[in-house]
Amino acid sequence: MVYACVGYCESSAFPSRYSVLVASNFTHNITSASRCCTISSDTKIKVRLDCPRGRHHNDIEILTARACRCDMCRKSRY
């Protein structure tokens, strides 16, 4: 079995502080605090890939989630 982390995490948005408004030339009027469901612990497992018509088999190692948590959102995913 291969596991991934998906689910609901609390996020919020609120009016930016005055210092943020000044620093952004009054273009950043909303500040958000977002959290995403991400892998907190992983493990490697071996997976066998069966090709069509039984020509050959490949065994590869991939990461699978052991545990998940709500954490800072990042651009890249696992």
PDB file of N, CA and C in Angstrom:
ATOM      1  N   MET A   1       0.836  -1.187   0.000  1.00  0.00           N
ATOM      2  CA  MET A   1       0.000   0.000   0.000  1.00  0.00           C
ATOM      3  C   MET A   1       0.877   1.245   0.000  1.00  0.00           C
ATOM      4  N   VAL A   2       0.423   2.254  -0.754  1.00  0.00           N
ATOM      5  CA  VAL A   2       1.093   3.548  -0.789  1.00  0.00           C
ATOM      6  C   VAL A   2       0.138   4.567  -0.177  1.00  0.00           C
ATOM      7  N   TYR A   3       0.642   5.383   0.737  1.00  0.00           N
ATOM      8  CA  TYR A   3      -0.197   6.350   1.429  1.00  0.00           C
ATOM      9  C   TYR A   3       0.237   7.777   1.097  1.00  0.00           C
ATOM     10  N   ALA A   4      -0.732   8.677   1.042  1.00  0.00           N
ATOM     11  CA  ALA A   4      -0.483  10.099   0.817  1.00  0.00           C
ATOM     12  C   ALA A   4      -1.184  10.886   1.921  1.00  0.00           C
ATOM     13  N   CYS A   5      -0.821  12.133   2.058  1.00  0.00           N
ATOM     14  CA  CYS A   5      -1.450  12.998   3.053  1.00  0.00           C
ATOM     15  C   CYS A   5      -2.368  13.988   2.342  1.00  0.00           C
ATOM     16  N   VAL A   6      -3.639  13.902   2.649  1.00  0.00           N
ATOM     17  CA  VAL A   6      -4.626  14.840   2.133  1.00  0.00           C
ATOM     18  C   VAL A   6      -5.637  15.080   3.240  1.00  0.00           C
ATOM     19  N   GLY A   7      -6.253  16.227   3.222  1.00  0.00           N
ATOM     20  CA  GLY A   7      -7.256  16.465   4.241  1.00  0.00           C
ATOM     21  C   GLY A   7      -7.428  17.934   4.538  1.00  0.00           C
ATOM     22  N   TYR A   8      -8.138  18.216   5.594  1.00  0.00           N
ATOM     23  CA  TYR A   8      -8.545  19.560   5.964  1.00  0.00           C
ATOM     24  C   TYR A   8      -7.627  20.122   7.051  1.00  0.00           C
ATOM     25  N   CYS A   9      -7.114  21.313   6.852  1.00  0.00           N
ATOM     26  CA  CYS A   9      -6.358  22.046   7.864  1.00  0.00           C
ATOM     27  C   CYS A   9      -6.922  23.463   7.948  1.00  0.00           C
ATOM     28  N   GLU A  10      -6.908  24.028   9.148  1.00  0.00           N
ATOM     29  CA  GLU A  10      -7.428  25.382   9.346  1.00  0.00           C
ATOM     30  C   GLU A  10      -6.569  26.411   8.621  1.00  0.00           C
ATOM     31  N   SER A  11      -7.208  27.348   7.963  1.00  0.00           N
ATOM     32  CA  SER A  11      -6.552  28.490   7.343  1.00  0.00           C
ATOM     33  C   SER A  11      -7.397  29.720   7.631  1.00  0.00           C
ATOM     34  N   SER A  12      -6.764  30.883   7.589  1.00  0.00           N
ATOM     35  CA  SER A  12      -7.525  32.105   7.858  1.00  0.00           C
ATOM     36  C   SER A  12      -6.954  33.269   7.053  1.00  0.00           C
ATOM     37  N   ALA A  13      -7.747  34.303   6.931  1.00  0.00           N
ATOM     38  CA  ALA A  13      -7.321  35.530   6.266  1.00  0.00           C
ATOM     39  C   ALA A  13      -7.844  36.705   7.092  1.00  0.00           C
ATOM     40  N   PHE A  14      -7.051  37.769   7.152  1.00  0.00           N
ATOM     41  CA  PHE A  14      -7.430  38.920   7.963  1.00  0.00           C
ATOM     42  C   PHE A  14      -6.808  40.177   7.360  1.00  0.00           C
ATOM     43  N   PRO A  15      -7.335  41.349   7.708  1.00  0.00           N
ATOM     44  CA  PRO A  15      -6.755  42.592   7.190  1.00  0.00           C
ATOM     45  C   PRO A  15      -5.292  42.730   7.621  1.00  0.00           C
ATOM     46  N   SER A  16      -4.452  43.177   6.714  1.00  0.00           N
ATOM     47  CA  SER A  16      -3.024  43.332   7.012  1.00  0.00           C
ATOM     48  C   SER A  16      -2.793  44.461   8.011  1.00  0.00           C
ATOM     49  N   ARG A  17      -1.735  44.317   8.807  1.00  0.00           N
ATOM     50  CA  ARG A  17      -1.334  45.384   9.729  1.00  0.00           C
ATOM     51  C   ARG A  17      -0.845  46.587   8.921  1.00  0.00           C
ATOM     52  N   TYR A  18      -0.867  47.726   9.566  1.00  0.00           N
ATOM     53  CA  TYR A  18      -0.461  48.953   8.885  1.00  0.00           C
ATOM     54  C   TYR A  18       0.981  48.855   8.366  1.00  0.00           C
ATOM     55  N   SER A  19       1.873  48.244   9.126  1.00  0.00           N
ATOM     56  CA  SER A  19       3.278  48.123   8.700  1.00  0.00           C
ATOM     57  C   SER A  19       3.395  47.288   7.421  1.00  0.00           C
ATOM     58  N   VAL A  20       2.547  46.278   7.276  1.00  0.00           N
ATOM     59  CA  VAL A  20       2.539  45.455   6.054  1.00  0.00           C
ATOM     60  C   VAL A  20       2.018  46.291   4.888  1.00  0.00           C
ATOM     61  N   LEU A  21       0.969  47.067   5.127  1.00  0.00           N
ATOM     62  CA  LEU A  21       0.432  47.948   4.082  1.00  0.00           C
ATOM     63  C   LEU A  21       1.491  48.925   3.583  1.00  0.00           C
ATOM     64  N   VAL A  22       2.208  49.554   4.512  1.00  0.00           N
ATOM     65  CA  VAL A  22       3.240  50.520   4.136  1.00  0.00           C
ATOM     66  C   VAL A  22       4.352  49.823   3.353  1.00  0.00           C
ATOM     67  N   ALA A  23       4.816  48.671   3.845  1.00  0.00           N
ATOM     68  CA  ALA A  23       5.912  47.950   3.189  1.00  0.00           C
ATOM     69  C   ALA A  23       5.530  47.485   1.784  1.00  0.00           C
ATOM     70  N   SER A  24       4.238  47.227   1.559  1.00  0.00           N
ATOM     71  CA  SER A  24       3.797  46.751   0.244  1.00  0.00           C
ATOM     72  C   SER A  24       3.228  47.874  -0.617  1.00  0.00           C
ATOM     73  N   ASN A  25       3.424  49.110  -0.196  1.00  0.00           N
ATOM     74  CA  ASN A  25       2.875  50.260  -0.922  1.00  0.00           C
ATOM     75  C   ASN A  25       1.348  50.158  -1.031  1.00  0.00           C
ATOM     76  N   PHE A  26       0.736  49.663   0.013  1.00  0.00           N
ATOM     77  CA  PHE A  26      -0.718  49.523   0.144  1.00  0.00           C
ATOM     78  C   PHE A  26      -1.341  48.590  -0.900  1.00  0.00           C
ATOM     79  N   THR A  27      -0.577  47.590  -1.339  1.00  0.00           N
ATOM     80  CA  THR A  27      -1.117  46.605  -2.283  1.00  0.00           C
ATOM     81  C   THR A  27      -1.428  45.267  -1.615  1.00  0.00           C
ATOM     82  N   HIS A  28      -0.891  45.039  -0.424  1.00  0.00           N
ATOM     83  CA  HIS A  28      -1.088  43.760   0.278  1.00  0.00           C
ATOM     84  C   HIS A  28      -2.053  44.007   1.447  1.00  0.00           C
ATOM     85  N   ASN A  29      -3.342  44.136   1.143  1.00  0.00           N
ATOM     86  CA  ASN A  29      -4.303  44.508   2.183  1.00  0.00           C
ATOM     87  C   ASN A  29      -4.909  43.324   2.928  1.00  0.00           C
ATOM     88  N   ILE A  30      -4.678  42.110   2.457  1.00  0.00           N
ATOM     89  CA  ILE A  30      -5.154  40.914   3.143  1.00  0.00           C
ATOM     90  C   ILE A  30      -3.960  40.004   3.426  1.00  0.00           C
ATOM     91  N   THR A  31      -3.843  39.546   4.650  1.00  0.00           N
ATOM     92  CA  THR A  31      -2.797  38.598   5.035  1.00  0.00           C
ATOM     93  C   THR A  31      -3.463  37.260   5.314  1.00  0.00           C
ATOM     94  N   SER A  32      -2.873  36.202   4.806  1.00  0.00           N
ATOM     95  CA  SER A  32      -3.443  34.877   5.053  1.00  0.00           C
ATOM     96  C   SER A  32      -2.460  34.019   5.828  1.00  0.00           C
ATOM     97  N   ALA A  33      -3.008  33.139   6.631  1.00  0.00           N
ATOM     98  CA  ALA A  33      -2.229  32.160   7.382  1.00  0.00           C
ATOM     99  C   ALA A  33      -2.779  30.797   6.982  1.00  0.00           C
ATOM    100  N   SER A  34      -2.046  30.127   6.128  1.00  0.00           N
ATOM    101  CA  SER A  34      -2.537  28.857   5.587  1.00  0.00           C
ATOM    102  C   SER A  34      -1.708  27.696   6.096  1.00  0.00           C
ATOM    103  N   ARG A  35      -2.391  26.578   6.316  1.00  0.00           N
ATOM    104  CA  ARG A  35      -1.715  25.345   6.717  1.00  0.00           C
ATOM    105  C   ARG A  35      -2.226  24.232   5.821  1.00  0.00           C
ATOM    106  N   CYS A  36      -1.327  23.357   5.398  1.00  0.00           N
ATOM    107  CA  CYS A  36      -1.663  22.259   4.493  1.00  0.00           C
ATOM    108  C   CYS A  36      -1.347  20.919   5.149  1.00  0.00           C
ATOM    109  N   CYS A  37      -2.060  19.903   4.737  1.00  0.00           N
ATOM    110  CA  CYS A  37      -1.821  18.548   5.230  1.00  0.00           C
ATOM    111  C   CYS A  37      -0.581  18.000   4.514  1.00  0.00           C
ATOM    112  N   THR A  38       0.489  17.743   5.278  1.00  0.00           N
ATOM    113  CA  THR A  38       1.751  17.300   4.693  1.00  0.00           C
ATOM    114  C   THR A  38       2.292  16.075   5.429  1.00  0.00           C
ATOM    115  N   ILE A  39       3.245  15.420   4.809  1.00  0.00           N
ATOM    116  CA  ILE A  39       3.877  14.241   5.414  1.00  0.00           C
ATOM    117  C   ILE A  39       4.793  14.683   6.553  1.00  0.00           C
ATOM    118  N   SER A  40       4.615  14.108   7.726  1.00  0.00           N
ATOM    119  CA  SER A  40       5.508  14.393   8.850  1.00  0.00           C
ATOM    120  C   SER A  40       6.490  13.249   9.074  1.00  0.00           C
ATOM    121  N   SER A  41       6.157  12.077   8.564  1.00  0.00           N
ATOM    122  CA  SER A  41       7.043  10.918   8.669  1.00  0.00           C
ATOM    123  C   SER A  41       6.798  10.037   7.447  1.00  0.00           C
ATOM    124  N   ASP A  42       7.876   9.545   6.845  1.00  0.00           N
ATOM    125  CA  ASP A  42       7.723   8.705   5.660  1.00  0.00           C
ATOM    126  C   ASP A  42       8.594   7.461   5.765  1.00  0.00           C
ATOM    127  N   THR A  43       8.404   6.559   4.851  1.00  0.00           N
ATOM    128  CA  THR A  43       9.209   5.354   4.779  1.00  0.00           C
ATOM    129  C   THR A  43       9.314   4.928   3.325  1.00  0.00           C
ATOM    130  N   LYS A  44      10.375   4.211   3.005  1.00  0.00           N
ATOM    131  CA  LYS A  44      10.547   3.706   1.640  1.00  0.00           C
ATOM    132  C   LYS A  44       9.930   2.322   1.539  1.00  0.00           C
ATOM    133  N   ILE A  45       9.256   2.075   0.424  1.00  0.00           N
ATOM    134  CA  ILE A  45       8.735   0.738   0.144  1.00  0.00           C
ATOM    135  C   ILE A  45       9.139   0.344  -1.268  1.00  0.00           C
ATOM    136  N   LYS A  46       9.223  -0.947  -1.495  1.00  0.00           N
ATOM    137  CA  LYS A  46       9.518  -1.449  -2.833  1.00  0.00           C
ATOM    138  C   LYS A  46       8.217  -1.763  -3.539  1.00  0.00           C
ATOM    139  N   VAL A  47       8.151  -1.355  -4.804  1.00  0.00           N
ATOM    140  CA  VAL A  47       6.962  -1.570  -5.625  1.00  0.00           C
ATOM    141  C   VAL A  47       7.401  -2.256  -6.906  1.00  0.00           C
ATOM    142  N   ARG A  48       6.653  -3.264  -7.325  1.00  0.00           N
ATOM    143  CA  ARG A  48       6.952  -3.950  -8.577  1.00  0.00           C
ATOM    144  C   ARG A  48       6.062  -3.393  -9.672  1.00  0.00           C
ATOM    145  N   LEU A  49       6.685  -2.952 -10.743  1.00  0.00           N
ATOM    146  CA  LEU A  49       5.962  -2.456 -11.905  1.00  0.00           C
ATOM    147  C   LEU A  49       5.898  -3.564 -12.941  1.00  0.00           C
ATOM    148  N   ASP A  50       4.712  -3.990 -13.265  1.00  0.00           N
ATOM    149  CA  ASP A  50       4.525  -5.029 -14.283  1.00  0.00           C
ATOM    150  C   ASP A  50       4.214  -4.357 -15.610  1.00  0.00           C
ATOM    151  N   CYS A  51       5.036  -4.627 -16.590  1.00  0.00           N
ATOM    152  CA  CYS A  51       4.847  -4.044 -17.916  1.00  0.00           C
ATOM    153  C   CYS A  51       3.846  -4.881 -18.717  1.00  0.00           C
ATOM    154  N   PRO A  52       3.195  -4.275 -19.727  1.00  0.00           N
ATOM    155  CA  PRO A  52       2.230  -5.001 -20.549  1.00  0.00           C
ATOM    156  C   PRO A  52       2.853  -6.218 -21.226  1.00  0.00           C
ATOM    157  N   ARG A  53       2.067  -7.235 -21.398  1.00  0.00           N
ATOM    158  CA  ARG A  53       2.454  -8.492 -22.047  1.00  0.00           C
ATOM    159  C   ARG A  53       3.575  -9.224 -21.321  1.00  0.00           C
ATOM    160  N   GLY A  54       3.789  -8.903 -20.047  1.00  0.00           N
ATOM    161  CA  GLY A  54       4.762  -9.639 -19.235  1.00  0.00           C
ATOM    162  C   GLY A  54       6.187  -9.570 -19.719  1.00  0.00           C
ATOM    163  N   ARG A  55       6.542  -8.534 -20.437  1.00  0.00           N
ATOM    164  CA  ARG A  55       7.884  -8.457 -21.023  1.00  0.00           C
ATOM    165  C   ARG A  55       8.977  -8.343 -19.973  1.00  0.00           C
ATOM    166  N   HIS A  56       8.817  -7.486 -18.996  1.00  0.00           N
ATOM    167  CA  HIS A  56       9.786  -7.417 -17.906  1.00  0.00           C
ATOM    168  C   HIS A  56       9.137  -6.761 -16.697  1.00  0.00           C
ATOM    169  N   HIS A  57       9.822  -6.871 -15.575  1.00  0.00           N
ATOM    170  CA  HIS A  57       9.332  -6.319 -14.313  1.00  0.00           C
ATOM    171  C   HIS A  57      10.413  -5.415 -13.746  1.00  0.00           C
ATOM    172  N   ASN A  58       9.996  -4.307 -13.200  1.00  0.00           N
ATOM    173  CA  ASN A  58      10.925  -3.399 -12.533  1.00  0.00           C
ATOM    174  C   ASN A  58      10.520  -3.256 -11.083  1.00  0.00           C
ATOM    175  N   ASP A  59      11.470  -3.379 -10.185  1.00  0.00           N
ATOM    176  CA  ASP A  59      11.244  -3.091  -8.779  1.00  0.00           C
ATOM    177  C   ASP A  59      11.847  -1.723  -8.492  1.00  0.00           C
ATOM    178  N   ILE A  60      11.027  -0.812  -7.960  1.00  0.00           N
ATOM    179  CA  ILE A  60      11.522   0.520  -7.621  1.00  0.00           C
ATOM    180  C   ILE A  60      11.201   0.810  -6.157  1.00  0.00           C
ATOM    181  N   GLU A  61      11.933   1.748  -5.571  1.00  0.00           N
ATOM    182  CA  GLU A  61      11.656   2.200  -4.217  1.00  0.00           C
ATOM    183  C   GLU A  61      11.001   3.572  -4.287  1.00  0.00           C
ATOM    184  N   ILE A  62       9.921   3.746  -3.541  1.00  0.00           N
ATOM    185  CA  ILE A  62       9.238   5.038  -3.472  1.00  0.00           C
ATOM    186  C   ILE A  62       8.961   5.375  -2.014  1.00  0.00           C
ATOM    187  N   LEU A  63       8.686   6.644  -1.760  1.00  0.00           N
ATOM    188  CA  LEU A  63       8.319   7.074  -0.411  1.00  0.00           C
ATOM    189  C   LEU A  63       6.813   6.976  -0.230  1.00  0.00           C
ATOM    190  N   THR A  64       6.409   6.559   0.947  1.00  0.00           N
ATOM    191  CA  THR A  64       5.002   6.529   1.314  1.00  0.00           C
ATOM    192  C   THR A  64       4.860   7.185   2.693  1.00  0.00           C
ATOM    193  N   ALA A  65       3.740   7.822   2.934  1.00  0.00           N
ATOM    194  CA  ALA A  65       3.526   8.520   4.203  1.00  0.00           C
ATOM    195  C   ALA A  65       3.302   7.523   5.334  1.00  0.00           C
ATOM    196  N   ARG A  66       3.957   7.765   6.469  1.00  0.00           N
ATOM    197  CA  ARG A  66       3.681   7.005   7.695  1.00  0.00           C
ATOM    198  C   ARG A  66       2.799   7.813   8.631  1.00  0.00           C
ATOM    199  N   ALA A  67       2.958   9.150   8.579  1.00  0.00           N
ATOM    200  CA  ALA A  67       2.162  10.034   9.436  1.00  0.00           C
ATOM    201  C   ALA A  67       1.997  11.381   8.733  1.00  0.00           C
ATOM    202  N   CYS A  68       0.901  12.067   9.041  1.00  0.00           N
ATOM    203  CA  CYS A  68       0.591  13.362   8.434  1.00  0.00           C
ATOM    204  C   CYS A  68       0.367  14.392   9.530  1.00  0.00           C
ATOM    205  N   ARG A  69       0.499  15.686   9.160  1.00  0.00           N
ATOM    206  CA  ARG A  69       0.193  16.773  10.099  1.00  0.00           C
ATOM    207  C   ARG A  69      -0.133  18.035   9.309  1.00  0.00           C
ATOM    208  N   CYS A  70      -0.788  18.961   9.956  1.00  0.00           N
ATOM    209  CA  CYS A  70      -1.024  20.273   9.364  1.00  0.00           C
ATOM    210  C   CYS A  70       0.226  21.106   9.596  1.00  0.00           C
ATOM    211  N   ASP A  71       0.775  21.649   8.513  1.00  0.00           N
ATOM    212  CA  ASP A  71       2.029  22.385   8.589  1.00  0.00           C
ATOM    213  C   ASP A  71       1.999  23.516   7.565  1.00  0.00           C
ATOM    214  N   MET A  72       3.042  24.318   7.535  1.00  0.00           N
ATOM    215  CA  MET A  72       3.135  25.421   6.587  1.00  0.00           C
ATOM    216  C   MET A  72       2.979  24.899   5.146  1.00  0.00           C
ATOM    217  N   CYS A  73       2.198  25.601   4.341  1.00  0.00           N
ATOM    218  CA  CYS A  73       2.017  25.222   2.939  1.00  0.00           C
ATOM    219  C   CYS A  73       3.282  25.552   2.152  1.00  0.00           C
ATOM    220  N   ARG A  74       3.636  24.678   1.235  1.00  0.00           N
ATOM    221  CA  ARG A  74       4.800  24.883   0.378  1.00  0.00           C
ATOM    222  C   ARG A  74       4.364  24.749  -1.058  1.00  0.00           C
ATOM    223  N   LYS A  75       5.127  25.356  -1.970  1.00  0.00           N
ATOM    224  CA  LYS A  75       4.792  25.260  -3.393  1.00  0.00           C
ATOM    225  C   LYS A  75       4.939  23.845  -3.903  1.00  0.00           C
ATOM    226  N   SER A  76       6.035  23.169  -3.553  1.00  0.00           N
ATOM    227  CA  SER A  76       6.272  21.820  -4.090  1.00  0.00           C
ATOM    228  C   SER A  76       5.526  20.794  -3.248  1.00  0.00           C
ATOM    229  N   ARG A  77       5.116  19.737  -3.888  1.00  0.00           N
ATOM    230  CA  ARG A  77       4.451  18.613  -3.233  1.00  0.00           C
ATOM    231  C   ARG A  77       5.359  17.407  -3.275  1.00  0.00           C
ATOM    232  N   TYR A  78       5.011  16.383  -2.534  1.00  0.00           N
ATOM    233  CA  TYR A  78       5.824  15.172  -2.499  1.00  0.00           C
ATOM    234  C   TYR A  78       5.614  14.351  -3.745  1.00  0.00           C
TER     235      TYR A  78
END
